[in-house]
C-alpha atoms as a PDB file:
ATOM      1  CA  MET A   1     118.592 105.936  82.311  1.00  0.00           C
ATOM      2  CA  ILE A   2     121.381 104.620  84.544  1.00  0.00           C
ATOM      3  CA  LYS A   3     120.838 101.742  86.949  1.00  0.00           C
ATOM      4  CA  PRO A   4     122.316 102.616  90.348  1.00  0.00           C
ATOM      5  CA  GLN A   5     124.022  99.954  92.419  1.00  0.00           C
ATOM      6  CA  VAL A   6     121.839  99.249  95.457  1.00  0.00           C
ATOM      7  CA  ALA A   7     122.764  96.912  98.314  1.00  0.00           C
ATOM      8  CA  ILE A   8     119.786  94.871  99.555  1.00  0.00           C
ATOM      9  CA  SER A   9     119.373  92.563 102.526  1.00  0.00           C
ATOM     10  CA  SER A  10     119.505  89.043 101.100  1.00  0.00           C
ATOM     11  CA  CYS A  11     116.377  87.914 102.930  1.00  0.00           C
ATOM     12  CA  LEU A  12     114.351  90.638 101.155  1.00  0.00           C
ATOM     13  CA  LEU A  13     115.503  89.149  97.843  1.00  0.00           C
ATOM     14  CA  GLY A  14     114.053  85.786  98.862  1.00  0.00           C
ATOM     15  CA  GLU A  15     117.273  84.130 100.022  1.00  0.00           C
ATOM     16  CA  GLN A  16     116.854  81.777 102.971  1.00  0.00           C
ATOM     17  CA  VAL A  17     119.501  83.299 105.212  1.00  0.00           C
ATOM     18  CA  ARG A  18     117.575  84.334 108.322  1.00  0.00           C
ATOM     19  CA  TYR A  19     118.333  82.882 111.740  1.00  0.00           C
ATOM     20  CA  ASP A  20     115.400  80.464 111.358  1.00  0.00           C
ATOM     21  CA  GLY A  21     116.385  79.414 107.842  1.00  0.00           C
ATOM     22  CA  GLN A  22     113.549  81.394 106.253  1.00  0.00           C
ATOM     23  CA  HIS A  23     113.385  84.519 104.062  1.00  0.00           C
ATOM     24  CA  LYS A  24     111.374  87.757 103.985  1.00  0.00           C
ATOM     25  CA  ARG A  25     110.984  88.167 100.228  1.00  0.00           C
ATOM     26  CA  SER A  26     109.640  91.613  99.291  1.00  0.00           C
ATOM     27  CA  PRO A  27     107.597  91.703  96.051  1.00  0.00           C
ATOM     28  CA  LEU A  28     108.133  95.463  95.900  1.00  0.00           C
ATOM     29  CA  VAL A  29     111.903  95.027  95.982  1.00  0.00           C
ATOM     30  CA  VAL A  30     112.186  91.920  93.813  1.00  0.00           C
ATOM     31  CA  ASP A  31     109.436  92.379  91.225  1.00  0.00           C
ATOM     32  CA  GLN A  32     109.067  96.134  90.912  1.00  0.00           C
ATOM     33  CA  LEU A  33     112.313  97.812  91.888  1.00  0.00           C
ATOM     34  CA  SER A  34     115.032  95.316  90.939  1.00  0.00           C
ATOM     35  CA  PRO A  35     114.578  95.654  87.138  1.00  0.00           C
ATOM     36  CA  PHE A  36     115.582  99.327  87.384  1.00  0.00           C
ATOM     37  CA  ILE A  37     118.675  98.962  89.587  1.00  0.00           C
ATOM     38  CA  LYS A  38     121.796  96.835  89.984  1.00  0.00           C
ATOM     39  CA  PRO A  39     120.938  94.872  93.163  1.00  0.00           C
ATOM     40  CA  ILE A  40     123.731  93.600  95.371  1.00  0.00           C
ATOM     41  CA  SER A  41     122.703  90.934  97.858  1.00  0.00           C
ATOM     42  CA  ILE A  42     124.199  91.306 101.336  1.00  0.00           C
ATOM     43  CA  CYS A  43     123.687  89.339 104.541  1.00  0.00           C
ATOM     44  CA  PRO A  44     126.032  90.738 107.193  1.00  0.00           C
ATOM     45  CA  GLU A  45     125.261  87.917 109.618  1.00  0.00           C
ATOM     46  CA  VAL A  46     126.114  85.098 107.202  1.00  0.00           C
ATOM     47  CA  GLY A  47     129.033  87.189 105.938  1.00  0.00           C
ATOM     48  CA  SER A  48     130.316  87.421 109.489  1.00  0.00           C
ATOM     49  CA  GLY A  49     130.482  83.641 109.751  1.00  0.00           C
ATOM     50  CA  MET A  50     127.115  82.843 111.332  1.00  0.00           C
ATOM     51  CA  SER A  51     125.376  79.666 110.219  1.00  0.00           C
ATOM     52  CA  VAL A  52     121.893  79.104 108.792  1.00  0.00           C
ATOM     53  CA  PRO A  53     119.916  78.372 110.894  1.00  0.00           C
ATOM     54  CA  ARG A  54     121.574  79.984 113.917  1.00  0.00           C
ATOM     55  CA  ALA A  55     120.909  81.129 117.445  1.00  0.00           C
ATOM     56  CA  PRO A  56     119.165  84.547 117.576  1.00  0.00           C
ATOM     57  CA  ILE A  57     121.346  87.577 118.225  1.00  0.00           C
ATOM     58  CA  GLN A  58     120.588  91.044 119.568  1.00  0.00           C
ATOM     59  CA  MET A  59     122.092  94.484 120.127  1.00  0.00           C
ATOM     60  CA  VAL A  60     123.289  94.845 123.702  1.00  0.00           C
ATOM     61  CA  SER A  61     124.406  97.947 125.583  1.00  0.00           C
ATOM     62  CA  LYS A  62     126.736  97.620 128.553  1.00  0.00           C
ATOM     63  CA  ASP A  63     125.440 100.932 129.872  1.00  0.00           C
ATOM     64  CA  PRO A  64     121.676 101.089 130.623  1.00  0.00           C
ATOM     65  CA  HIS A  65     121.780 104.851 130.119  1.00  0.00           C
ATOM     66  CA  SER A  66     123.602 104.896 126.773  1.00  0.00           C
ATOM     67  CA  VAL A  67     123.501 103.262 123.347  1.00  0.00           C
ATOM     68  CA  ASN A  68     127.093 104.221 122.526  1.00  0.00           C
ATOM     69  CA  THR A  69     128.649 101.033 123.934  1.00  0.00           C
ATOM     70  CA  ILE A  70     126.885  98.532 121.710  1.00  0.00           C
ATOM     71  CA  SER A  71     127.819  94.922 121.056  1.00  0.00           C
ATOM     72  CA  LEU A  72     126.220  92.231 118.929  1.00  0.00           C
ATOM     73  CA  GLN A  73     125.748  88.979 120.800  1.00  0.00           C
ATOM     74  CA  GLN A  74     123.643  85.863 121.110  1.00  0.00           C
ATOM     75  CA  VAL A  75     120.390  86.193 123.024  1.00  0.00           C
ATOM     76  CA  ASP A  76     121.041  83.072 125.114  1.00  0.00           C
ATOM     77  CA  SER A  77     124.042  81.340 126.652  1.00  0.00           C
ATOM     78  CA  PRO A  78     126.910  81.229 125.746  1.00  0.00           C
ATOM     79  CA  PHE A  79     126.180  84.848 124.679  1.00  0.00           C
ATOM     80  CA  GLN A  80     128.823  84.762 121.935  1.00  0.00           C
ATOM     81  CA  ASP A  81     129.876  88.252 120.805  1.00  0.00           C
ATOM     82  CA  PHE A  82     129.914  88.778 117.009  1.00  0.00           C
ATOM     83  CA  SER A  83     130.846  92.479 117.035  1.00  0.00           C
ATOM     84  CA  ALA A  84     134.446  92.004 115.892  1.00  0.00           C
ATOM     85  CA  ASP A  85     133.379  89.460 113.239  1.00  0.00           C
ATOM     86  CA  MET A  86     130.906  91.890 111.709  1.00  0.00           C
ATOM     87  CA  GLU A  87     133.392  94.756 111.805  1.00  0.00           C
ATOM     88  CA  GLU A  88     135.906  92.586 109.971  1.00  0.00           C
ATOM     89  CA  TYR A  89     133.244  91.584 107.429  1.00  0.00           C
ATOM     90  CA  PHE A  90     132.409  95.245 106.864  1.00  0.00           C
ATOM     91  CA  ARG A  91     136.058  96.204 106.354  1.00  0.00           C
ATOM     92  CA  LYS A  92     136.367  93.526 103.685  1.00  0.00           C
ATOM     93  CA  GLN A  93     133.199  94.835 101.981  1.00  0.00           C
ATOM     94  CA  THR A  94     134.283  98.490 101.808  1.00  0.00           C
ATOM     95  CA  ASP A  95     135.668  98.369  98.254  1.00  0.00           C
ATOM     96  CA  ARG A  96     132.536  96.556  97.082  1.00  0.00           C
ATOM     97  CA  HIS A  97     130.440  99.526  98.153  1.00  0.00           C
ATOM     98  CA  LYS A  98     132.492 102.426  96.761  1.00  0.00           C
ATOM     99  CA  PHE A  99     129.865 102.865  94.021  1.00  0.00           C
ATOM    100  CA  THR A 100     126.841 101.789  96.067  1.00  0.00           C
ATOM    101  CA  ALA A 101     124.089 104.400  95.715  1.00  0.00           C
ATOM    102  CA  GLY A 102     121.542 103.027  98.175  1.00  0.00           C
ATOM    103  CA  LEU A 103     120.919 100.432 100.865  1.00  0.00           C
ATOM    104  CA  ILE A 104     117.582  98.654 101.385  1.00  0.00           C
ATOM    105  CA  SER A 105     117.701  96.680 104.599  1.00  0.00           C
ATOM    106  CA  LYS A 106     115.501  94.518 106.807  1.00  0.00           C
ATOM    107  CA  SER A 107     113.597  96.342 109.514  1.00  0.00           C
ATOM    108  CA  ARG A 108     114.225  95.421 113.163  1.00  0.00           C
ATOM    109  CA  SER A 109     117.164  93.212 112.228  1.00  0.00           C
ATOM    110  CA  PRO A 110     120.016  93.331 114.780  1.00  0.00           C
ATOM    111  CA  SER A 111     122.406  93.861 111.865  1.00  0.00           C
ATOM    112  CA  CYS A 112     120.290  95.623 109.225  1.00  0.00           C
ATOM    113  CA  GLY A 113     117.555  97.631 110.971  1.00  0.00           C
ATOM    114  CA  VAL A 114     117.565 101.354 110.162  1.00  0.00           C
ATOM    115  CA  THR A 115     115.731 102.980 113.072  1.00  0.00           C
ATOM    116  CA  ASP A 116     113.800 100.229 114.850  1.00  0.00           C
ATOM    117  CA  THR A 117     116.351  97.645 115.965  1.00  0.00           C
ATOM    118  CA  PRO A 118     115.808  96.974 119.692  1.00  0.00           C
ATOM    119  CA  VAL A 119     118.749  97.610 122.009  1.00  0.00           C
ATOM    120  CA  PHE A 120     118.812  95.610 125.236  1.00  0.00           C
ATOM    121  CA  THR A 121     120.611  95.581 128.535  1.00  0.00           C
ATOM    122  CA  GLU A 122     120.160  92.664 130.932  1.00  0.00           C
ATOM    123  CA  SER A 123     117.180  91.402 128.862  1.00  0.00           C
ATOM    124  CA  LYS A 124     115.451  94.770 129.086  1.00  0.00           C
ATOM    125  CA  LYS A 125     114.832  96.886 126.007  1.00  0.00           C
ATOM    126  CA  ILE A 126     116.182 100.397 126.532  1.00  0.00           C
ATOM    127  CA  ALA A 127     116.034 101.941 123.060  1.00  0.00           C
ATOM    128  CA  SER A 128     115.651 101.430 119.323  1.00  0.00           C
ATOM    129  CA  GLY A 129     118.183 102.379 116.685  1.00  0.00           C
ATOM    130  CA  SER A 130     120.211 101.171 113.726  1.00  0.00           C
ATOM    131  CA  GLY A 131     121.461  97.611 113.417  1.00  0.00           C
ATOM    132  CA  TYR A 132     125.166  96.897 113.836  1.00  0.00           C
ATOM    133  CA  PHE A 133     126.008  96.686 110.115  1.00  0.00           C
ATOM    134  CA  VAL A 134     123.887  99.713 109.228  1.00  0.00           C
ATOM    135  CA  ARG A 135     125.702 101.767 111.883  1.00  0.00           C
ATOM    136  CA  LEU A 136     129.041 100.873 110.329  1.00  0.00           C
ATOM    137  CA  PHE A 137     127.719 101.533 106.827  1.00  0.00           C
ATOM    138  CA  GLN A 138     126.306 104.974 107.648  1.00  0.00           C
ATOM    139  CA  GLN A 139     129.503 106.032 109.396  1.00  0.00           C
ATOM    140  CA  LYS A 140     131.588 105.103 106.346  1.00  0.00           C
ATOM    141  CA  PHE A 141     129.126 106.170 103.637  1.00  0.00           C
ATOM    142  CA  PRO A 142     127.004 109.050 105.045  1.00  0.00           C
ATOM    143  CA  GLN A 143     126.087 110.182 101.532  1.00  0.00           C
ATOM    144  CA  VAL A 144     124.275 106.913 100.703  1.00  0.00           C
ATOM    145  CA  PRO A 145     120.511 106.801 101.417  1.00  0.00           C
ATOM    146  CA  VAL A 146     119.347 103.928 103.615  1.00  0.00           C
ATOM    147  CA  ILE A 147     115.772 102.657 103.948  1.00  0.00           C
ATOM    148  CA  ASP A 148     113.995  99.540 105.198  1.00  0.00           C
ATOM    149  CA  GLU A 149     111.280  97.587 103.391  1.00  0.00           C
ATOM    150  CA  ASN A 150     108.484  99.161 105.450  1.00  0.00           C
ATOM    151  CA  LYS A 151     109.453 102.755 104.665  1.00  0.00           C
ATOM    152  CA  LEU A 152     110.004 101.770 101.022  1.00  0.00           C
ATOM    153  CA  SER A 153     106.272 101.041 100.709  1.00  0.00           C
ATOM    154  CA  ILE A 154     105.390 104.631 101.687  1.00  0.00           C
ATOM    155  CA  ASP A 155     105.127 106.999  98.694  1.00  0.00           C
ATOM    156  CA  GLU A 156     107.109 109.972  99.930  1.00  0.00           C
ATOM    157  CA  GLU A 157     109.737 107.887 101.740  1.00  0.00           C
ATOM    158  CA  ARG A 158     110.288 105.810  98.612  1.00  0.00           C
ATOM    159  CA  HIS A 159     110.451 108.927  96.459  1.00  0.00           C
ATOM    160  CA  ARG A 160     113.182 110.508  98.596  1.00  0.00           C
ATOM    161  CA  PHE A 161     115.202 107.302  98.607  1.00  0.00           C
ATOM    162  CA  LEU A 162     114.937 106.778  94.842  1.00  0.00           C
ATOM    163  CA  THR A 163     115.625 110.429  94.044  1.00  0.00           C
ATOM    164  CA  CYS A 164     118.806 110.350  96.116  1.00  0.00           C
ATOM    165  CA  SER A 165     119.888 106.897  94.969  1.00  0.00           C
ATOM    166  CA  PHE A 166     119.506 107.627  91.248  1.00  0.00           C
ATOM    167  CA  ALA A 167     121.222 111.000  91.682  1.00  0.00           C
ATOM    168  CA  LEU A 168     124.191 109.353  93.395  1.00  0.00           C
ATOM    169  CA  GLY A 169     124.250 106.697  90.674  1.00  0.00           C
ATOM    170  CA  ARG A 170     124.469 109.413  88.025  1.00  0.00           C
ATOM    171  CA  PHE A 171     127.357 111.036  89.888  1.00  0.00           C
ATOM    172  CA  TYR A 172     129.278 107.751  89.942  1.00  0.00           C
ATOM    173  CA  SER A 173     128.651 107.428  86.191  1.00  0.00           C
ATOM    174  CA  PHE A 174     130.112 110.900  85.607  1.00  0.00           C
ATOM    175  CA  LYS A 175     133.060 110.064  87.861  1.00  0.00           C
ATOM    176  CA  GLN A 176     133.916 106.917  85.941  1.00  0.00           C
ATOM    177  CA  LEU A 177     133.884 108.851  82.659  1.00  0.00           C
ATOM    178  CA  ASP A 178     135.876 111.911  83.746  1.00  0.00           C
ATOM    179  CA  ARG A 179     136.621 112.563  87.402  1.00  0.00           C
ATOM    180  CA  LYS A 180     137.847 116.123  86.756  1.00  0.00           C
ATOM    181  CA  ILE A 181     134.443 117.342  85.570  1.00  0.00           C
ATOM    182  CA  ALA A 182     132.232 114.883  87.468  1.00  0.00           C
ATOM    183  CA  LEU A 183     131.093 117.343  90.154  1.00  0.00           C
ATOM    184  CA  SER A 184     130.418 120.248  87.801  1.00  0.00           C
ATOM    185  CA  SER A 185     128.580 118.070  85.268  1.00  0.00           C
ATOM    186  CA  PHE A 186     126.524 116.431  87.985  1.00  0.00           C
ATOM    187  CA  HIS A 187     125.685 119.767  89.612  1.00  0.00           C
ATOM    188  CA  SER A 188     124.489 121.277  86.330  1.00  0.00           C
ATOM    189  CA  GLN A 189     122.290 118.272  85.623  1.00  0.00           C
ATOM    190  CA  HIS A 190     120.702 118.402  89.093  1.00  0.00           C
ATOM    191  CA  LEU A 191     120.590 122.130  89.860  1.00  0.00           C
ATOM    192  CA  LEU A 192     116.907 122.546  88.984  1.00  0.00           C
ATOM    193  CA  LEU A 193     116.013 119.448  91.015  1.00  0.00           C
ATOM    194  CA  PHE A 194     117.922 120.895  93.985  1.00  0.00           C
ATOM    195  CA  GLN A 195     116.073 124.199  93.655  1.00  0.00           C
ATOM    196  CA  SER A 196     112.720 122.423  93.466  1.00  0.00           C
ATOM    197  CA  ILE A 197     113.393 121.027  96.954  1.00  0.00           C
ATOM    198  CA  ASP A 198     115.284 123.833  98.718  1.00  0.00           C
ATOM    199  CA  ALA A 199     116.397 126.940  96.821  1.00  0.00           C
ATOM    200  CA  ASP A 200     118.580 128.291  99.644  1.00  0.00           C
ATOM    201  CA  LYS A 201     120.523 125.063 100.103  1.00  0.00           C
ATOM    202  CA  SER A 202     120.851 124.759  96.346  1.00  0.00           C
ATOM    203  CA  GLU A 203     122.526 128.166  96.204  1.00  0.00           C
ATOM    204  CA  ARG A 204     124.852 127.233  99.058  1.00  0.00           C
ATOM    205  CA  LEU A 205     125.843 124.066  97.212  1.00  0.00           C
ATOM    206  CA  SER A 206     126.635 126.110  94.101  1.00  0.00           C
ATOM    207  CA  ALA A 207     128.716 128.542  96.151  1.00  0.00           C
ATOM    208  CA  PHE A 208     130.531 125.703  97.910  1.00  0.00           C
ATOM    209  CA  LEU A 209     131.399 124.091  94.602  1.00  0.00           C
ATOM    210  CA  ALA A 210     132.623 127.391  93.111  1.00  0.00           C
ATOM    211  CA  GLN A 211     134.921 128.075  96.056  1.00  0.00           C
ATOM    212  CA  SER A 212     136.299 124.580  96.611  1.00  0.00           C
ATOM    213  CA  THR A 213     139.212 122.675  95.158  1.00  0.00           C
ATOM    214  CA  VAL A 214     137.977 119.472  93.576  1.00  0.00           C
ATOM    215  CA  ASP A 215     139.474 116.694  95.705  1.00  0.00           C
ATOM    216  CA  LYS A 216     138.208 113.716  97.696  1.00  0.00           C
ATOM    217  CA  GLY A 217     137.378 115.877 100.712  1.00  0.00           C
ATOM    218  CA  CYS A 218     135.368 118.341  98.651  1.00  0.00           C
ATOM    219  CA  GLU A 219     133.596 115.534  96.819  1.00  0.00           C
ATOM    220  CA  HIS A 220     132.666 113.784 100.057  1.00  0.00           C
ATOM    221  CA  ASP A 221     131.352 116.938 101.767  1.00  0.00           C
ATOM    222  CA  TYR A 222     129.409 117.962  98.662  1.00  0.00           C
ATOM    223  CA  LEU A 223     127.723 114.569  98.272  1.00  0.00           C
ATOM    224  CA  VAL A 224     126.788 114.417 101.957  1.00  0.00           C
ATOM    225  CA  GLU A 225     125.029 117.777 101.637  1.00  0.00           C
ATOM    226  CA  VAL A 226     123.362 116.713  98.377  1.00  0.00           C
ATOM    227  CA  SER A 227     122.044 113.583 100.093  1.00  0.00           C
ATOM    228  CA  LYS A 228     120.605 115.622 102.946  1.00  0.00           C
ATOM    229  CA  LEU A 229     118.943 118.036 100.511  1.00  0.00           C
ATOM    230  CA  LEU A 230     117.400 115.328  98.328  1.00  0.00           C
ATOM    231  CA  GLN A 231     115.886 113.596 101.354  1.00  0.00           C
ATOM    232  CA  GLN A 232     114.109 116.689 102.665  1.00  0.00           C
ATOM    233  CA  PRO A 233     110.289 116.827 102.717  1.00  0.00           C
ATOM    234  CA  PHE A 234     108.643 117.907  99.481  1.00  0.00           C
ATOM    235  CA  ASP A 235     106.903 121.294  99.180  1.00  0.00           C
ATOM    236  CA  ILE A 236     104.712 121.894  96.125  1.00  0.00           C
ATOM    237  CA  GLN A 237     105.115 125.684  96.158  1.00  0.00           C
ATOM    238  CA  THR A 238     108.913 125.462  96.216  1.00  0.00           C
ATOM    239  CA  ALA A 239     108.817 122.997  93.325  1.00  0.00           C
ATOM    240  CA  LEU A 240     106.484 125.202  91.258  1.00  0.00           C
ATOM    241  CA  ALA A 241     108.655 128.262  91.918  1.00  0.00           C
ATOM    242  CA  ALA A 242     111.716 126.408  90.634  1.00  0.00           C
ATOM    243  CA  PHE A 243     109.865 125.283  87.502  1.00  0.00           C
ATOM    244  CA  GLU A 244     108.679 128.837  86.878  1.00  0.00           C
ATOM    245  CA  HIS A 245     112.251 130.095  87.271  1.00  0.00           C
ATOM    246  CA  PHE A 246     113.419 127.513  84.734  1.00  0.00           C
ATOM    247  CA  ILE A 247     110.847 128.678  82.190  1.00  0.00           C
ATOM    248  CA  ALA A 248     111.844 132.314  82.711  1.00  0.00           C
ATOM    249  CA  GLN A 249     115.607 131.692  82.574  1.00  0.00           C
ATOM    250  CA  PRO A 250     116.280 128.263  81.029  1.00  0.00           C
ATOM    251  CA  ASN A 251     119.888 129.175  80.148  1.00  0.00           C
ATOM    252  CA  GLN A 252     120.776 128.858  83.842  1.00  0.00           C
ATOM    253  CA  PHE A 253     119.907 125.169  83.780  1.00  0.00           C
ATOM    254  CA  THR A 254     120.536 123.891  80.257  1.00  0.00           C
ATOM    255  CA  LYS A 255     123.059 124.582  77.503  1.00  0.00           C
ATOM    256  CA  LYS A 256     120.445 124.029  74.820  1.00  0.00           C
ATOM    257  CA  LYS A 257     118.195 126.992  74.158  1.00  0.00           C
ATOM    258  CA  LEU A 258     114.483 126.277  74.329  1.00  0.00           C
ATOM    259  CA  ASP A 259     112.658 127.003  71.086  1.00  0.00           C
ATOM    260  CA  ASN A 260     109.442 129.002  71.172  1.00  0.00           C
ATOM    261  CA  THR A 261     107.226 125.940  70.827  1.00  0.00           C
ATOM    262  CA  SER A 262     108.856 124.239  73.829  1.00  0.00           C
ATOM    263  CA  HIS A 263     108.691 127.432  75.864  1.00  0.00           C
ATOM    264  CA  VAL A 264     104.953 127.813  75.211  1.00  0.00           C
ATOM    265  CA  ALA A 265     104.314 124.145  75.991  1.00  0.00           C
ATOM    266  CA  LEU A 266     106.158 124.359  79.307  1.00  0.00           C
ATOM    267  CA  SER A 267     104.381 127.590  80.252  1.00  0.00           C
ATOM    268  CA  GLN A 268     101.029 125.927  79.633  1.00  0.00           C
ATOM    269  CA  LEU A 269     102.150 122.904  81.660  1.00  0.00           C
ATOM    270  CA  LEU A 270     103.079 125.176  84.569  1.00  0.00           C
ATOM    271  CA  GLU A 271      99.620 126.757  84.547  1.00  0.00           C
ATOM    272  CA  ARG A 272      97.978 123.339  84.581  1.00  0.00           C
ATOM    273  CA  LEU A 273     100.124 122.295  87.520  1.00  0.00           C
ATOM    274  CA  LYS A 274      99.209 125.436  89.478  1.00  0.00           C
ATOM    275  CA  TYR A 275      95.558 124.429  89.329  1.00  0.00           C
ATOM    276  CA  ARG A 276      96.375 120.988  90.746  1.00  0.00           C
ATOM    277  CA  THR A 277      98.441 121.893  93.801  1.00  0.00           C
ATOM    278  CA  GLU A 278      96.282 119.836  96.169  1.00  0.00           C
ATOM    279  CA  ASP A 279      96.528 116.721  93.987  1.00  0.00           C
ATOM    280  CA  LEU A 280     100.263 117.209  93.448  1.00  0.00           C
ATOM    281  CA  SER A 281     101.295 117.667  97.077  1.00  0.00           C
ATOM    282  CA  ASP A 282     102.635 114.100  96.876  1.00  0.00           C
ATOM    283  CA  PRO A 283     106.094 114.278  95.200  1.00  0.00           C
ATOM    284  CA  CYS A 284     105.454 111.048  93.285  1.00  0.00           C
ATOM    285  CA  MET A 285     102.418 112.677  91.700  1.00  0.00           C
ATOM    286  CA  PHE A 286     104.214 115.962  90.994  1.00  0.00           C
ATOM    287  CA  TYR A 287     107.350 114.580  89.368  1.00  0.00           C
ATOM    288  CA  GLY A 288     105.343 111.807  87.750  1.00  0.00           C
ATOM    289  CA  SER A 289     103.090 114.419  86.114  1.00  0.00           C
ATOM    290  CA  ILE A 290     106.126 116.431  84.982  1.00  0.00           C
ATOM    291  CA  THR A 291     107.783 113.362  83.462  1.00  0.00           C
ATOM    292  CA  LYS A 292     104.579 112.201  81.770  1.00  0.00           C
ATOM    293  CA  GLU A 293     103.897 115.625  80.237  1.00  0.00           C
ATOM    294  CA  VAL A 294     107.481 116.083  79.003  1.00  0.00           C
ATOM    295  CA  ASN A 295     107.335 112.651  77.365  1.00  0.00           C
ATOM    296  CA  ALA A 296     103.969 113.453  75.773  1.00  0.00           C
ATOM    297  CA  LEU A 297     105.288 116.763  74.456  1.00  0.00           C
ATOM    298  CA  GLN A 298     108.376 114.966  73.120  1.00  0.00           C
ATOM    299  CA  LEU A 299     110.710 117.464  74.761  1.00  0.00           C
ATOM    300  CA  ASN A 300     113.611 115.060  74.546  1.00  0.00           C
ATOM    301  CA  GLU A 301     116.198 117.756  75.219  1.00  0.00           C
ATOM    302  CA  LEU A 302     114.918 118.006  78.794  1.00  0.00           C
ATOM    303  CA  LYS A 303     115.199 114.322  79.699  1.00  0.00           C
ATOM    304  CA  GLN A 304     118.851 114.713  80.717  1.00  0.00           C
ATOM    305  CA  ASN A 305     117.802 117.212  83.380  1.00  0.00           C
ATOM    306  CA  ALA A 306     117.147 115.372  86.653  1.00  0.00           C
ATOM    307  CA  PHE A 307     114.159 117.572  87.512  1.00  0.00           C
ATOM    308  CA  PHE A 308     112.233 116.164  84.551  1.00  0.00           C
ATOM    309  CA  ALA A 309     113.321 112.561  85.196  1.00  0.00           C
ATOM    310  CA  PRO A 310     114.687 112.048  88.736  1.00  0.00           C
ATOM    311  CA  TYR A 311     114.228 108.281  88.365  1.00  0.00           C
ATOM    312  CA  PRO A 312     112.259 105.952  86.016  1.00  0.00           C
ATOM    313  CA  ASP A 313     108.659 107.111  85.634  1.00  0.00           C
ATOM    314  CA  LYS A 314     107.354 103.559  86.077  1.00  0.00           C
ATOM    315  CA  LEU A 315     108.519 103.705  89.686  1.00  0.00           C
ATOM    316  CA  MET A 316     106.521 106.889  90.332  1.00  0.00           C
ATOM    317  CA  TRP A 317     103.118 105.306  89.798  1.00  0.00           C
ATOM    318  CA  ARG A 318     103.379 101.973  91.558  1.00  0.00           C
ATOM    319  CA  ASN A 319     101.998 102.547  95.021  1.00  0.00           C
ATOM    320  CA  ARG A 320      98.317 103.275  94.724  1.00  0.00           C
ATOM    321  CA  GLU A 321      97.081 100.061  93.164  1.00  0.00           C
ATOM    322  CA  GLU A 322     100.006  97.665  92.916  1.00  0.00           C
ATOM    323  CA  ILE A 323     101.643  97.726  96.335  1.00  0.00           C
END
């Protein structure tokens, strides 16, 4: 299985780059996730020229009624503004992230927070939102999933992030091999996975791809919609319906015809899953069970289909006892 390129806040990797000279090493990120990805260490604050240690900074709004006029400045006098420095750092990093398939960032950080970075005006907190670097990143790369270390420890949040990140990593792999067929190859490999999450949006994606000219604009719009779809909440009944459709009409999802033995085995697996809907309402449990059963049945021809292996199975079972 491919290893997607994932940008990670340096402090979560154990690097002593925080304002106080410390780190926030995450065992989940370093010990459990890193072996399955290509981690890229980023510290936007150090990259923007700030020292270690350094004076604390914060997000500041000039308008107490709006968070659209944000700057990044020191908490105390002389209130140095680092907004332009971080924007310049980000511009220089753009090429580095053209194949980045995920961003794991530090919660509440003025540069890297995802949803919980405090925004102040005249020393008063008025809102919470994304950190300065994350705002720039999401504007430039809206197709890339972003998560902080707290959400990463939650089963379903982690599942959505990994599903999207590994899918995007597979697309980049296709693109590097043959750009002309990258979208169609990727779509075929992920169609069943799309349908297991949202059948209607999956059909709209297929229609969009059939009607569009393959260019950068089409690719960008398609991937943004794919990212939105893959990060939707999981529904067990939708997933079971997609699996049942696959068993009934496998030729819609795979070029290789299923032999009778495989067809019977998958039909029996579907029936077992139907009796476990309460247990499998967690997507990690559902896709983990699918992957485990397919491996046990030695149905190797299915492993290239993202539905049967959205990301490494070892990452599907690591929350209950190890985190």
